[in-house]
């Protein structure tokens, strides 16, 4: 498990990968507040 809070704090751009597939990517400021995929919303 990765530290999601740390990633939100220091990253400019995030890529969410699950089971080897890119689920979502974008600016860290929008990734979690405006997530498009349900898997990203559940982190």
PDB file of N, CA and C in Angstrom:
ATOM      1  N   UNK A   1       0.843  -1.180   0.000  1.00  0.00           N
ATOM      2  CA  UNK A   1       0.000   0.000   0.000  1.00  0.00           C
ATOM      3  C   UNK A   1       0.880   1.232   0.000  1.00  0.00           C
ATOM      4  N   UNK A   2       0.505   2.197  -0.800  1.00  0.00           N
ATOM      5  CA  UNK A   2       1.242   3.448  -0.880  1.00  0.00           C
ATOM      6  C   UNK A   2       0.580   4.487   0.014  1.00  0.00           C
ATOM      7  N   UNK A   3       1.345   5.494   0.376  1.00  0.00           N
ATOM      8  CA  UNK A   3       0.818   6.567   1.202  1.00  0.00           C
ATOM      9  C   UNK A   3       0.148   7.596   0.291  1.00  0.00           C
ATOM     10  N   UNK A   4      -1.166   7.529   0.175  1.00  0.00           N
ATOM     11  CA  UNK A   4      -1.923   8.397  -0.715  1.00  0.00           C
ATOM     12  C   UNK A   4      -1.810   9.854  -0.288  1.00  0.00           C
ATOM     13  N   UNK A   5      -1.828  10.131   0.997  1.00  0.00           N
ATOM     14  CA  UNK A   5      -1.716  11.509   1.471  1.00  0.00           C
ATOM     15  C   UNK A   5      -0.383  12.120   1.049  1.00  0.00           C
ATOM     16  N   UNK A   6       0.684  11.356   1.112  1.00  0.00           N
ATOM     17  CA  UNK A   6       2.000  11.836   0.696  1.00  0.00           C
ATOM     18  C   UNK A   6       2.005  12.131  -0.802  1.00  0.00           C
ATOM     19  N   UNK A   7       1.412  11.267  -1.584  1.00  0.00           N
ATOM     20  CA  UNK A   7       1.341  11.476  -3.027  1.00  0.00           C
ATOM     21  C   UNK A   7       0.559  12.748  -3.350  1.00  0.00           C
ATOM     22  N   UNK A   8      -0.558  12.955  -2.681  1.00  0.00           N
ATOM     23  CA  UNK A   8      -1.358  14.169  -2.892  1.00  0.00           C
ATOM     24  C   UNK A   8      -0.557  15.421  -2.553  1.00  0.00           C
ATOM     25  N   UNK A   9       0.263  15.328  -1.529  1.00  0.00           N
ATOM     26  CA  UNK A   9       0.995  16.485  -1.038  1.00  0.00           C
ATOM     27  C   UNK A   9       2.169  16.868  -1.935  1.00  0.00           C
ATOM     28  N   UNK A  10       2.891  15.888  -2.482  1.00  0.00           N
ATOM     29  CA  UNK A  10       4.134  16.220  -3.179  1.00  0.00           C
ATOM     30  C   UNK A  10       4.074  16.093  -4.704  1.00  0.00           C
ATOM     31  N   UNK A  11       3.085  15.423  -5.240  1.00  0.00           N
ATOM     32  CA  UNK A  11       3.054  15.176  -6.679  1.00  0.00           C
ATOM     33  C   UNK A  11       2.359  16.298  -7.452  1.00  0.00           C
ATOM     34  N   UNK A  12       2.854  16.553  -8.664  1.00  0.00           N
ATOM     35  CA  UNK A  12       2.190  17.477  -9.577  1.00  0.00           C
ATOM     36  C   UNK A  12       1.214  16.734 -10.477  1.00  0.00           C
ATOM     37  N   UNK A  13       1.563  15.492 -10.787  1.00  0.00           N
ATOM     38  CA  UNK A  13       0.779  14.680 -11.708  1.00  0.00           C
ATOM     39  C   UNK A  13       0.746  13.257 -11.153  1.00  0.00           C
ATOM     40  N   UNK A  14      -0.418  12.637 -11.146  1.00  0.00           N
ATOM     41  CA  UNK A  14      -0.552  11.276 -10.614  1.00  0.00           C
ATOM     42  C   UNK A  14      -1.085  10.340 -11.687  1.00  0.00           C
ATOM     43  N   UNK A  15      -0.670   9.090 -11.603  1.00  0.00           N
ATOM     44  CA  UNK A  15      -1.186   8.030 -12.463  1.00  0.00           C
ATOM     45  C   UNK A  15      -1.665   6.920 -11.537  1.00  0.00           C
ATOM     46  N   UNK A  16      -2.922   6.544 -11.643  1.00  0.00           N
ATOM     47  CA  UNK A  16      -3.491   5.466 -10.834  1.00  0.00           C
ATOM     48  C   UNK A  16      -3.503   4.210 -11.688  1.00  0.00           C
ATOM     49  N   UNK A  17      -2.754   3.207 -11.250  1.00  0.00           N
ATOM     50  CA  UNK A  17      -2.642   1.945 -11.972  1.00  0.00           C
ATOM     51  C   UNK A  17      -3.213   0.836 -11.097  1.00  0.00           C
ATOM     52  N   UNK A  18      -4.069   0.012 -11.685  1.00  0.00           N
ATOM     53  CA  UNK A  18      -4.670  -1.108 -10.962  1.00  0.00           C
ATOM     54  C   UNK A  18      -4.604  -2.335 -11.865  1.00  0.00           C
ATOM     55  N   UNK A  19      -4.078  -3.410 -11.331  1.00  0.00           N
ATOM     56  CA  UNK A  19      -3.937  -4.660 -12.088  1.00  0.00           C
ATOM     57  C   UNK A  19      -3.194  -4.449 -13.404  1.00  0.00           C
ATOM     58  N   UNK A  20      -2.181  -3.572 -13.386  1.00  0.00           N
ATOM     59  CA  UNK A  20      -1.356  -3.339 -14.562  1.00  0.00           C
ATOM     60  C   UNK A  20      -1.969  -2.439 -15.615  1.00  0.00           C
ATOM     61  N   UNK A  21      -3.132  -1.869 -15.347  1.00  0.00           N
ATOM     62  CA  UNK A  21      -3.797  -0.991 -16.314  1.00  0.00           C
ATOM     63  C   UNK A  21      -3.887   0.420 -15.749  1.00  0.00           C
ATOM     64  N   UNK A  22      -3.630   1.406 -16.597  1.00  0.00           N
ATOM     65  CA  UNK A  22      -3.789   2.799 -16.185  1.00  0.00           C
ATOM     66  C   UNK A  22      -5.281   3.081 -16.097  1.00  0.00           C
ATOM     67  N   UNK A  23      -5.730   3.409 -14.892  1.00  0.00           N
ATOM     68  CA  UNK A  23      -7.140   3.675 -14.656  1.00  0.00           C
ATOM     69  C   UNK A  23      -7.446   5.159 -14.872  1.00  0.00           C
ATOM     70  N   UNK A  24      -6.561   5.995 -14.361  1.00  0.00           N
ATOM     71  CA  UNK A  24      -6.794   7.429 -14.451  1.00  0.00           C
ATOM     72  C   UNK A  24      -5.473   8.155 -14.239  1.00  0.00           C
ATOM     73  N   UNK A  25      -5.338   9.311 -14.863  1.00  0.00           N
ATOM     74  CA  UNK A  25      -4.152  10.124 -14.652  1.00  0.00           C
ATOM     75  C   UNK A  25      -4.517  11.588 -14.828  1.00  0.00           C
ATOM     76  N   UNK A  26      -3.741  12.429 -14.188  1.00  0.00           N
ATOM     77  CA  UNK A  26      -3.985  13.853 -14.298  1.00  0.00           C
ATOM     78  C   UNK A  26      -3.314  14.620 -13.188  1.00  0.00           C
ATOM     79  N   UNK A  27      -3.585  15.911 -13.132  1.00  0.00           N
ATOM     80  CA  UNK A  27      -2.999  16.744 -12.073  1.00  0.00           C
ATOM     81  C   UNK A  27      -3.436  16.234 -10.700  1.00  0.00           C
ATOM     82  N   UNK A  28      -2.512  16.225  -9.767  1.00  0.00           N
ATOM     83  CA  UNK A  28      -2.839  15.692  -8.442  1.00  0.00           C
ATOM     84  C   UNK A  28      -3.941  16.491  -7.767  1.00  0.00           C
ATOM     85  N   UNK A  29      -4.033  17.781  -8.062  1.00  0.00           N
ATOM     86  CA  UNK A  29      -5.067  18.607  -7.433  1.00  0.00           C
ATOM     87  C   UNK A  29      -6.471  18.180  -7.842  1.00  0.00           C
ATOM     88  N   UNK A  30      -6.619  17.614  -9.024  1.00  0.00           N
ATOM     89  CA  UNK A  30      -7.939  17.216  -9.508  1.00  0.00           C
ATOM     90  C   UNK A  30      -8.193  15.718  -9.433  1.00  0.00           C
ATOM     91  N   UNK A  31      -7.138  14.938  -9.325  1.00  0.00           N
ATOM     92  CA  UNK A  31      -7.274  13.478  -9.406  1.00  0.00           C
ATOM     93  C   UNK A  31      -8.294  12.927  -8.420  1.00  0.00           C
ATOM     94  N   UNK A  32      -8.233  13.351  -7.183  1.00  0.00           N
ATOM     95  CA  UNK A  32      -9.114  12.775  -6.171  1.00  0.00           C
ATOM     96  C   UNK A  32     -10.398  13.575  -5.975  1.00  0.00           C
ATOM     97  N   UNK A  33     -10.353  14.867  -6.213  1.00  0.00           N
ATOM     98  CA  UNK A  33     -11.561  15.668  -6.018  1.00  0.00           C
ATOM     99  C   UNK A  33     -12.526  15.539  -7.191  1.00  0.00           C
ATOM    100  N   UNK A  34     -12.014  15.231  -8.368  1.00  0.00           N
ATOM    101  CA  UNK A  34     -12.845  15.110  -9.570  1.00  0.00           C
ATOM    102  C   UNK A  34     -12.620  13.774 -10.271  1.00  0.00           C
ATOM    103  N   UNK A  35     -12.441  12.740  -9.516  1.00  0.00           N
ATOM    104  CA  UNK A  35     -12.161  11.417 -10.102  1.00  0.00           C
ATOM    105  C   UNK A  35     -13.283  10.989 -11.029  1.00  0.00           C
ATOM    106  N   UNK A  36     -12.885  10.402 -12.141  1.00  0.00           N
ATOM    107  CA  UNK A  36     -13.859   9.951 -13.140  1.00  0.00           C
ATOM    108  C   UNK A  36     -14.192   8.476 -12.989  1.00  0.00           C
ATOM    109  N   UNK A  37     -13.263   7.714 -12.430  1.00  0.00           N
ATOM    110  CA  UNK A  37     -13.438   6.268 -12.296  1.00  0.00           C
ATOM    111  C   UNK A  37     -13.796   5.912 -10.856  1.00  0.00           C
ATOM    112  N   UNK A  38     -14.667   4.953 -10.690  1.00  0.00           N
ATOM    113  CA  UNK A  38     -15.106   4.561  -9.338  1.00  0.00           C
ATOM    114  C   UNK A  38     -13.961   3.995  -8.501  1.00  0.00           C
ATOM    115  N   UNK A  39     -12.983   3.357  -9.149  1.00  0.00           N
ATOM    116  CA  UNK A  39     -11.841   2.819  -8.393  1.00  0.00           C
ATOM    117  C   UNK A  39     -11.010   3.944  -7.790  1.00  0.00           C
ATOM    118  N   UNK A  40     -10.861   5.039  -8.521  1.00  0.00           N
ATOM    119  CA  UNK A  40     -10.114   6.180  -8.011  1.00  0.00           C
ATOM    120  C   UNK A  40     -10.874   6.835  -6.868  1.00  0.00           C
ATOM    121  N   UNK A  41     -12.171   6.933  -7.002  1.00  0.00           N
ATOM    122  CA  UNK A  41     -13.000   7.542  -5.950  1.00  0.00           C
ATOM    123  C   UNK A  41     -12.918   6.768  -4.636  1.00  0.00           C
ATOM    124  N   UNK A  42     -12.692   5.468  -4.727  1.00  0.00           N
ATOM    125  CA  UNK A  42     -12.678   4.616  -3.526  1.00  0.00           C
ATOM    126  C   UNK A  42     -11.350   4.576  -2.812  1.00  0.00           C
ATOM    127  N   UNK A  43     -10.336   5.291  -3.307  1.00  0.00           N
ATOM    128  CA  UNK A  43      -9.030   5.265  -2.645  1.00  0.00           C
ATOM    129  C   UNK A  43      -9.101   6.091  -1.383  1.00  0.00           C
TER     130      UNK A  43
END
